[in-house]
Amino acid sequence: MVELYTHKIDTVFHALSDATRRHMLRELTRGERTVGQLAEPHAMSLAAASKHIKVLEGAGLVRREIQGRTHLCRLDPGPLATAHEWLSFYEHFWTTRLDALEHLLKQDDARKAAADQNAKMPPSKPGNDT
């Protein structure tokens, strides 16, 4: 069971590791596309696009339907849930660190504002307390 889960998540992250494949997935969020339509923005051959699509298919992220000579691709977002679940485990680490950074930045801003305020005040003269 663990091996199957590990293999599945590995293939998803491998598929997502390439910018061209991520762009293809983004295109597929708008609806089905042909291999040619997915290849076009990247100025790549149909064979090269097909190799990228095979990686996406292997990860279960894309379903391809063949209608005659046309290959239609559709997004299957299910496997992204696996990646999301894995990343979510680490979210509290990010959140904690970002909260600490925010706190430090606010302290720094307050310190700078106080220094600016002190710099704008005229120096007080001794014995002139009113």
N, C-alpha and C. Protein backbone atom coordinates (compact mmCIF):
# COMPACT_ATOMS: atom_id res chain seq x y z
N MET A 1 0.83 -1.20 0.00
CA MET A 1 0.00 0.00 0.00
C MET A 1 0.87 1.26 0.00
N VAL A 2 1.88 1.29 0.86
CA VAL A 2 2.75 2.45 0.93
C VAL A 2 3.52 2.60 -0.37
N GLU A 3 4.00 1.49 -0.95
CA GLU A 3 4.73 1.56 -2.22
C GLU A 3 3.85 2.12 -3.32
N LEU A 4 2.60 1.71 -3.38
CA LEU A 4 1.68 2.20 -4.39
C LEU A 4 1.48 3.70 -4.21
N TYR A 5 1.27 4.14 -2.97
CA TYR A 5 1.07 5.56 -2.69
C TYR A 5 2.33 6.35 -3.07
N THR A 6 3.50 5.83 -2.72
CA THR A 6 4.75 6.51 -3.03
C THR A 6 4.94 6.62 -4.53
N HIS A 7 4.68 5.55 -5.26
CA HIS A 7 4.83 5.59 -6.72
C HIS A 7 3.87 6.61 -7.33
N LYS A 8 2.64 6.62 -6.84
CA LYS A 8 1.63 7.54 -7.37
C LYS A 8 2.04 9.00 -7.16
N ILE A 9 2.46 9.32 -5.95
CA ILE A 9 2.83 10.71 -5.69
C ILE A 9 4.10 11.08 -6.43
N ASP A 10 5.02 10.13 -6.57
CA ASP A 10 6.24 10.40 -7.34
C ASP A 10 5.92 10.74 -8.79
N THR A 11 5.00 9.99 -9.39
CA THR A 11 4.66 10.27 -10.79
C THR A 11 3.95 11.60 -10.93
N VAL A 12 3.13 11.97 -9.95
CA VAL A 12 2.44 13.26 -9.99
C VAL A 12 3.46 14.39 -9.89
N PHE A 13 4.36 14.32 -8.93
CA PHE A 13 5.36 15.38 -8.78
C PHE A 13 6.32 15.42 -9.96
N HIS A 14 6.64 14.26 -10.52
CA HIS A 14 7.48 14.25 -11.73
C HIS A 14 6.76 14.97 -12.87
N ALA A 15 5.48 14.68 -13.04
CA ALA A 15 4.72 15.33 -14.11
C ALA A 15 4.64 16.84 -13.89
N LEU A 16 4.50 17.26 -12.65
CA LEU A 16 4.39 18.68 -12.32
C LEU A 16 5.74 19.40 -12.33
N SER A 17 6.82 18.66 -12.40
CA SER A 17 8.16 19.27 -12.31
C SER A 17 8.56 20.02 -13.58
N ASP A 18 7.83 19.83 -14.66
CA ASP A 18 8.18 20.46 -15.92
C ASP A 18 7.21 21.61 -16.23
N ALA A 19 7.78 22.76 -16.57
CA ALA A 19 6.96 23.96 -16.83
C ALA A 19 6.02 23.76 -18.02
N THR A 20 6.48 23.05 -19.04
CA THR A 20 5.62 22.82 -20.22
C THR A 20 4.40 22.00 -19.82
N ARG A 21 4.61 20.97 -19.02
CA ARG A 21 3.48 20.14 -18.59
C ARG A 21 2.54 20.92 -17.67
N ARG A 22 3.10 21.75 -16.81
CA ARG A 22 2.23 22.58 -15.95
C ARG A 22 1.39 23.53 -16.80
N HIS A 23 1.98 24.08 -17.86
CA HIS A 23 1.24 24.97 -18.75
C HIS A 23 0.13 24.19 -19.47
N MET A 24 0.45 22.98 -19.90
CA MET A 24 -0.57 22.15 -20.55
C MET A 24 -1.73 21.87 -19.61
N LEU A 25 -1.41 21.55 -18.36
CA LEU A 25 -2.48 21.32 -17.37
C LEU A 25 -3.34 22.56 -17.18
N ARG A 26 -2.69 23.71 -17.13
CA ARG A 26 -3.45 24.97 -16.98
C ARG A 26 -4.38 25.17 -18.17
N GLU A 27 -3.89 24.88 -19.36
CA GLU A 27 -4.73 24.99 -20.56
C GLU A 27 -5.93 24.06 -20.46
N LEU A 28 -5.71 22.87 -19.94
CA LEU A 28 -6.79 21.89 -19.85
C LEU A 28 -7.83 22.26 -18.79
N THR A 29 -7.53 23.19 -17.91
CA THR A 29 -8.55 23.64 -16.96
C THR A 29 -9.65 24.42 -17.69
N ARG A 30 -9.34 24.89 -18.89
CA ARG A 30 -10.33 25.64 -19.68
C ARG A 30 -11.18 24.73 -20.56
N GLY A 31 -10.87 23.44 -20.55
CA GLY A 31 -11.63 22.48 -21.35
C GLY A 31 -10.71 21.60 -22.15
N GLU A 32 -11.31 20.63 -22.84
CA GLU A 32 -10.48 19.68 -23.60
C GLU A 32 -9.74 20.38 -24.73
N ARG A 33 -8.58 19.84 -25.04
CA ARG A 33 -7.73 20.37 -26.10
C ARG A 33 -7.16 19.22 -26.90
N THR A 34 -6.85 19.49 -28.15
CA THR A 34 -6.16 18.50 -28.98
C THR A 34 -4.67 18.58 -28.65
N VAL A 35 -3.95 17.55 -29.06
CA VAL A 35 -2.50 17.55 -28.87
C VAL A 35 -1.89 18.76 -29.59
N GLY A 36 -2.38 19.06 -30.78
CA GLY A 36 -1.90 20.22 -31.53
C GLY A 36 -2.12 21.52 -30.79
N GLN A 37 -3.28 21.67 -30.18
CA GLN A 37 -3.57 22.89 -29.42
C GLN A 37 -2.66 23.02 -28.21
N LEU A 38 -2.33 21.89 -27.58
CA LEU A 38 -1.43 21.93 -26.43
C LEU A 38 0.01 22.19 -26.85
N ALA A 39 0.38 21.76 -28.05
CA ALA A 39 1.74 21.94 -28.55
C ALA A 39 1.98 23.37 -29.04
N GLU A 40 0.96 23.98 -29.60
CA GLU A 40 1.10 25.26 -30.31
C GLU A 40 1.81 26.37 -29.52
N PRO A 41 1.44 26.66 -28.28
CA PRO A 41 2.10 27.77 -27.59
C PRO A 41 3.58 27.53 -27.31
N HIS A 42 4.02 26.29 -27.43
CA HIS A 42 5.39 25.94 -27.10
C HIS A 42 6.26 25.75 -28.34
N ALA A 43 5.69 25.94 -29.52
CA ALA A 43 6.42 25.76 -30.78
C ALA A 43 7.16 24.43 -30.78
N MET A 44 6.44 23.38 -30.43
CA MET A 44 7.03 22.04 -30.41
C MET A 44 6.28 21.13 -31.36
N SER A 45 6.92 20.05 -31.72
CA SER A 45 6.30 19.09 -32.62
C SER A 45 5.18 18.34 -31.88
N LEU A 46 4.32 17.71 -32.66
CA LEU A 46 3.26 16.90 -32.06
C LEU A 46 3.86 15.73 -31.29
N ALA A 47 4.97 15.20 -31.81
CA ALA A 47 5.63 14.07 -31.12
C ALA A 47 6.15 14.51 -29.75
N ALA A 48 6.75 15.69 -29.68
CA ALA A 48 7.26 16.19 -28.39
C ALA A 48 6.10 16.46 -27.43
N ALA A 49 5.04 17.06 -27.94
CA ALA A 49 3.87 17.32 -27.09
C ALA A 49 3.28 16.01 -26.60
N SER A 50 3.24 15.03 -27.48
CA SER A 50 2.69 13.72 -27.11
C SER A 50 3.51 13.08 -25.99
N LYS A 51 4.82 13.26 -26.01
CA LYS A 51 5.66 12.71 -24.93
C LYS A 51 5.30 13.37 -23.60
N HIS A 52 5.10 14.68 -23.61
CA HIS A 52 4.69 15.37 -22.38
C HIS A 52 3.33 14.86 -21.91
N ILE A 53 2.43 14.70 -22.84
CA ILE A 53 1.08 14.24 -22.50
C ILE A 53 1.13 12.82 -21.94
N LYS A 54 2.01 11.98 -22.46
CA LYS A 54 2.16 10.61 -21.93
C LYS A 54 2.60 10.63 -20.47
N VAL A 55 3.49 11.57 -20.12
CA VAL A 55 3.91 11.70 -18.72
C VAL A 55 2.72 12.11 -17.86
N LEU A 56 1.93 13.06 -18.36
CA LEU A 56 0.74 13.49 -17.63
C LEU A 56 -0.28 12.36 -17.51
N GLU A 57 -0.42 11.57 -18.57
CA GLU A 57 -1.31 10.41 -18.52
C GLU A 57 -0.82 9.38 -17.51
N GLY A 58 0.50 9.16 -17.50
CA GLY A 58 1.08 8.20 -16.57
C GLY A 58 0.83 8.57 -15.12
N ALA A 59 0.75 9.86 -14.86
CA ALA A 59 0.46 10.35 -13.51
C ALA A 59 -1.05 10.38 -13.24
N GLY A 60 -1.84 10.08 -14.27
CA GLY A 60 -3.30 10.09 -14.11
C GLY A 60 -3.90 11.48 -14.17
N LEU A 61 -3.12 12.48 -14.59
CA LEU A 61 -3.60 13.86 -14.62
C LEU A 61 -4.35 14.20 -15.90
N VAL A 62 -4.16 13.41 -16.94
CA VAL A 62 -4.79 13.67 -18.24
C VAL A 62 -5.38 12.37 -18.76
N ARG A 63 -6.54 12.51 -19.37
CA ARG A 63 -7.19 11.40 -20.08
C ARG A 63 -7.21 11.79 -21.55
N ARG A 64 -6.82 10.83 -22.40
CA ARG A 64 -6.79 11.10 -23.83
C ARG A 64 -7.85 10.22 -24.51
N GLU A 65 -8.62 10.86 -25.38
CA GLU A 65 -9.64 10.14 -26.15
C GLU A 65 -9.29 10.31 -27.62
N ILE A 66 -9.28 9.22 -28.34
CA ILE A 66 -8.92 9.26 -29.76
C ILE A 66 -10.20 9.19 -30.58
N GLN A 67 -10.39 10.22 -31.41
CA GLN A 67 -11.54 10.28 -32.32
C GLN A 67 -10.97 10.39 -33.72
N GLY A 68 -10.86 9.24 -34.38
CA GLY A 68 -10.24 9.22 -35.70
C GLY A 68 -8.77 9.53 -35.57
N ARG A 69 -8.34 10.61 -36.23
CA ARG A 69 -6.94 11.02 -36.13
C ARG A 69 -6.71 12.09 -35.08
N THR A 70 -7.78 12.50 -34.43
CA THR A 70 -7.68 13.56 -33.43
C THR A 70 -7.59 12.96 -32.03
N HIS A 71 -6.62 13.45 -31.28
CA HIS A 71 -6.45 13.04 -29.89
C HIS A 71 -6.91 14.19 -29.01
N LEU A 72 -8.00 13.97 -28.28
CA LEU A 72 -8.52 14.98 -27.35
C LEU A 72 -8.05 14.68 -25.94
N CYS A 73 -7.56 15.69 -25.27
CA CYS A 73 -7.05 15.53 -23.91
C CYS A 73 -7.96 16.27 -22.94
N ARG A 74 -8.18 15.64 -21.79
CA ARG A 74 -8.99 16.24 -20.73
C ARG A 74 -8.22 16.15 -19.43
N LEU A 75 -8.38 17.14 -18.60
CA LEU A 75 -7.77 17.16 -17.27
C LEU A 75 -8.51 16.20 -16.36
N ASP A 76 -7.76 15.44 -15.59
CA ASP A 76 -8.32 14.63 -14.51
C ASP A 76 -7.64 15.10 -13.22
N PRO A 77 -8.27 15.98 -12.48
CA PRO A 77 -7.61 16.60 -11.33
C PRO A 77 -7.47 15.70 -10.11
N GLY A 78 -8.04 14.52 -10.14
CA GLY A 78 -8.02 13.63 -8.98
C GLY A 78 -6.64 13.44 -8.36
N PRO A 79 -5.62 13.08 -9.15
CA PRO A 79 -4.29 12.87 -8.56
C PRO A 79 -3.68 14.12 -7.93
N LEU A 80 -4.15 15.29 -8.31
CA LEU A 80 -3.65 16.51 -7.67
C LEU A 80 -4.01 16.53 -6.19
N ALA A 81 -5.09 15.85 -5.83
CA ALA A 81 -5.49 15.78 -4.43
C ALA A 81 -4.42 15.07 -3.61
N THR A 82 -3.77 14.08 -4.19
CA THR A 82 -2.69 13.37 -3.50
C THR A 82 -1.53 14.32 -3.22
N ALA A 83 -1.16 15.11 -4.22
CA ALA A 83 -0.08 16.08 -4.05
C ALA A 83 -0.48 17.14 -3.03
N HIS A 84 -1.71 17.59 -3.10
CA HIS A 84 -2.21 18.61 -2.16
C HIS A 84 -2.17 18.07 -0.73
N GLU A 85 -2.60 16.84 -0.57
CA GLU A 85 -2.60 16.22 0.75
C GLU A 85 -1.18 16.15 1.31
N TRP A 86 -0.23 15.76 0.48
CA TRP A 86 1.16 15.67 0.91
C TRP A 86 1.69 17.05 1.30
N LEU A 87 1.42 18.06 0.48
CA LEU A 87 1.89 19.41 0.76
C LEU A 87 1.20 20.00 1.99
N SER A 88 -0.05 19.66 2.20
CA SER A 88 -0.81 20.21 3.33
C SER A 88 -0.19 19.84 4.66
N PHE A 89 0.44 18.67 4.72
CA PHE A 89 1.10 18.24 5.95
C PHE A 89 2.14 19.28 6.39
N TYR A 90 2.80 19.91 5.43
CA TYR A 90 3.87 20.86 5.73
C TYR A 90 3.38 22.30 5.86
N GLU A 91 2.10 22.52 5.63
CA GLU A 91 1.55 23.88 5.65
C GLU A 91 1.77 24.57 6.98
N HIS A 92 1.60 23.86 8.08
CA HIS A 92 1.75 24.52 9.37
C HIS A 92 3.19 25.00 9.60
N PHE A 93 4.18 24.32 8.99
CA PHE A 93 5.56 24.79 9.10
C PHE A 93 5.71 26.13 8.38
N TRP A 94 5.13 26.22 7.18
CA TRP A 94 5.20 27.46 6.41
C TRP A 94 4.48 28.57 7.15
N THR A 95 3.29 28.26 7.62
CA THR A 95 2.46 29.26 8.29
C THR A 95 3.17 29.80 9.53
N THR A 96 3.74 28.91 10.33
CA THR A 96 4.45 29.32 11.54
C THR A 96 5.62 30.23 11.20
N ARG A 97 6.37 29.87 10.19
CA ARG A 97 7.53 30.68 9.81
C ARG A 97 7.10 32.02 9.23
N LEU A 98 6.04 32.02 8.44
CA LEU A 98 5.56 33.27 7.86
C LEU A 98 4.98 34.18 8.94
N ASP A 99 4.30 33.59 9.93
CA ASP A 99 3.78 34.38 11.05
C ASP A 99 4.92 35.02 11.83
N ALA A 100 5.99 34.27 12.06
CA ALA A 100 7.16 34.80 12.77
C ALA A 100 7.79 35.94 11.97
N LEU A 101 7.89 35.76 10.65
CA LEU A 101 8.45 36.80 9.80
C LEU A 101 7.58 38.06 9.85
N GLU A 102 6.28 37.87 9.78
CA GLU A 102 5.37 39.02 9.86
C GLU A 102 5.55 39.78 11.18
N HIS A 103 5.67 39.04 12.27
CA HIS A 103 5.87 39.66 13.59
C HIS A 103 7.17 40.47 13.61
N LEU A 104 8.25 39.91 13.08
CA LEU A 104 9.53 40.62 13.04
C LEU A 104 9.46 41.86 12.16
N LEU A 105 8.78 41.77 11.03
CA LEU A 105 8.65 42.93 10.14
C LEU A 105 7.84 44.04 10.79
N LYS A 106 6.79 43.67 11.52
CA LYS A 106 6.00 44.68 12.22
C LYS A 106 6.80 45.36 13.31
N GLN A 107 7.61 44.58 14.03
CA GLN A 107 8.48 45.17 15.06
C GLN A 107 9.48 46.13 14.42
N ASP A 108 10.05 45.73 13.30
CA ASP A 108 11.02 46.57 12.60
C ASP A 108 10.36 47.86 12.12
N ASP A 109 9.15 47.76 11.56
CA ASP A 109 8.42 48.94 11.11
C ASP A 109 8.13 49.89 12.28
N ALA A 110 7.74 49.33 13.41
CA ALA A 110 7.44 50.15 14.58
C ALA A 110 8.71 50.84 15.09
N ARG A 111 9.82 50.13 15.09
CA ARG A 111 11.10 50.70 15.52
C ARG A 111 11.52 51.84 14.58
N LYS A 112 11.35 51.65 13.27
CA LYS A 112 11.70 52.69 12.29
C LYS A 112 10.79 53.91 12.44
N ALA A 113 9.50 53.67 12.67
CA ALA A 113 8.56 54.78 12.85
C ALA A 113 8.92 55.59 14.09
N ALA A 114 9.29 54.91 15.16
CA ALA A 114 9.68 55.60 16.39
C ALA A 114 10.95 56.41 16.17
N ALA A 115 11.91 55.84 15.43
CA ALA A 115 13.16 56.55 15.14
C ALA A 115 12.89 57.77 14.27
N ASP A 116 12.02 57.63 13.28
CA ASP A 116 11.66 58.77 12.42
C ASP A 116 10.97 59.86 13.23
N GLN A 117 10.10 59.46 14.14
CA GLN A 117 9.38 60.43 14.98
C GLN A 117 10.36 61.18 15.87
N ASN A 118 11.32 60.47 16.45
CA ASN A 118 12.32 61.09 17.31
C ASN A 118 13.22 62.04 16.51
N ALA A 119 13.50 61.71 15.27
CA ALA A 119 14.36 62.55 14.44
C ALA A 119 13.65 63.85 14.06
N LYS A 120 12.33 63.84 13.98
CA LYS A 120 11.57 65.02 13.59
C LYS A 120 11.35 65.98 14.76
N MET A 121 11.47 65.52 15.98
CA MET A 121 11.23 66.37 17.15
C MET A 121 12.43 67.28 17.36
N PRO A 122 12.19 68.56 17.63
CA PRO A 122 13.30 69.46 17.91
C PRO A 122 13.95 69.10 19.22
N PRO A 123 15.25 69.31 19.33
CA PRO A 123 15.91 68.97 20.59
C PRO A 123 15.39 69.86 21.73
N SER A 124 15.20 69.29 22.88
CA SER A 124 14.71 70.07 24.02
C SER A 124 15.89 70.81 24.65
N LYS A 125 15.58 72.03 25.16
CA LYS A 125 16.61 72.86 25.81
C LYS A 125 16.55 72.60 27.31
N PRO A 126 17.71 72.51 27.90
CA PRO A 126 17.72 72.26 29.36
C PRO A 126 17.09 73.42 30.11
N GLY A 127 16.33 73.07 31.13
CA GLY A 127 15.70 74.08 31.97
C GLY A 127 14.50 74.73 31.34
N ASN A 128 13.99 74.22 30.25
CA ASN A 128 12.86 74.80 29.54
C ASN A 128 11.69 73.84 29.52
N ASP A 129 11.40 73.22 30.66
CA ASP A 129 10.31 72.26 30.75
C ASP A 129 9.00 72.98 31.00
N THR A 130 8.11 72.95 30.10
CA THR A 130 6.81 73.60 30.27
C THR A 130 5.71 72.60 30.28
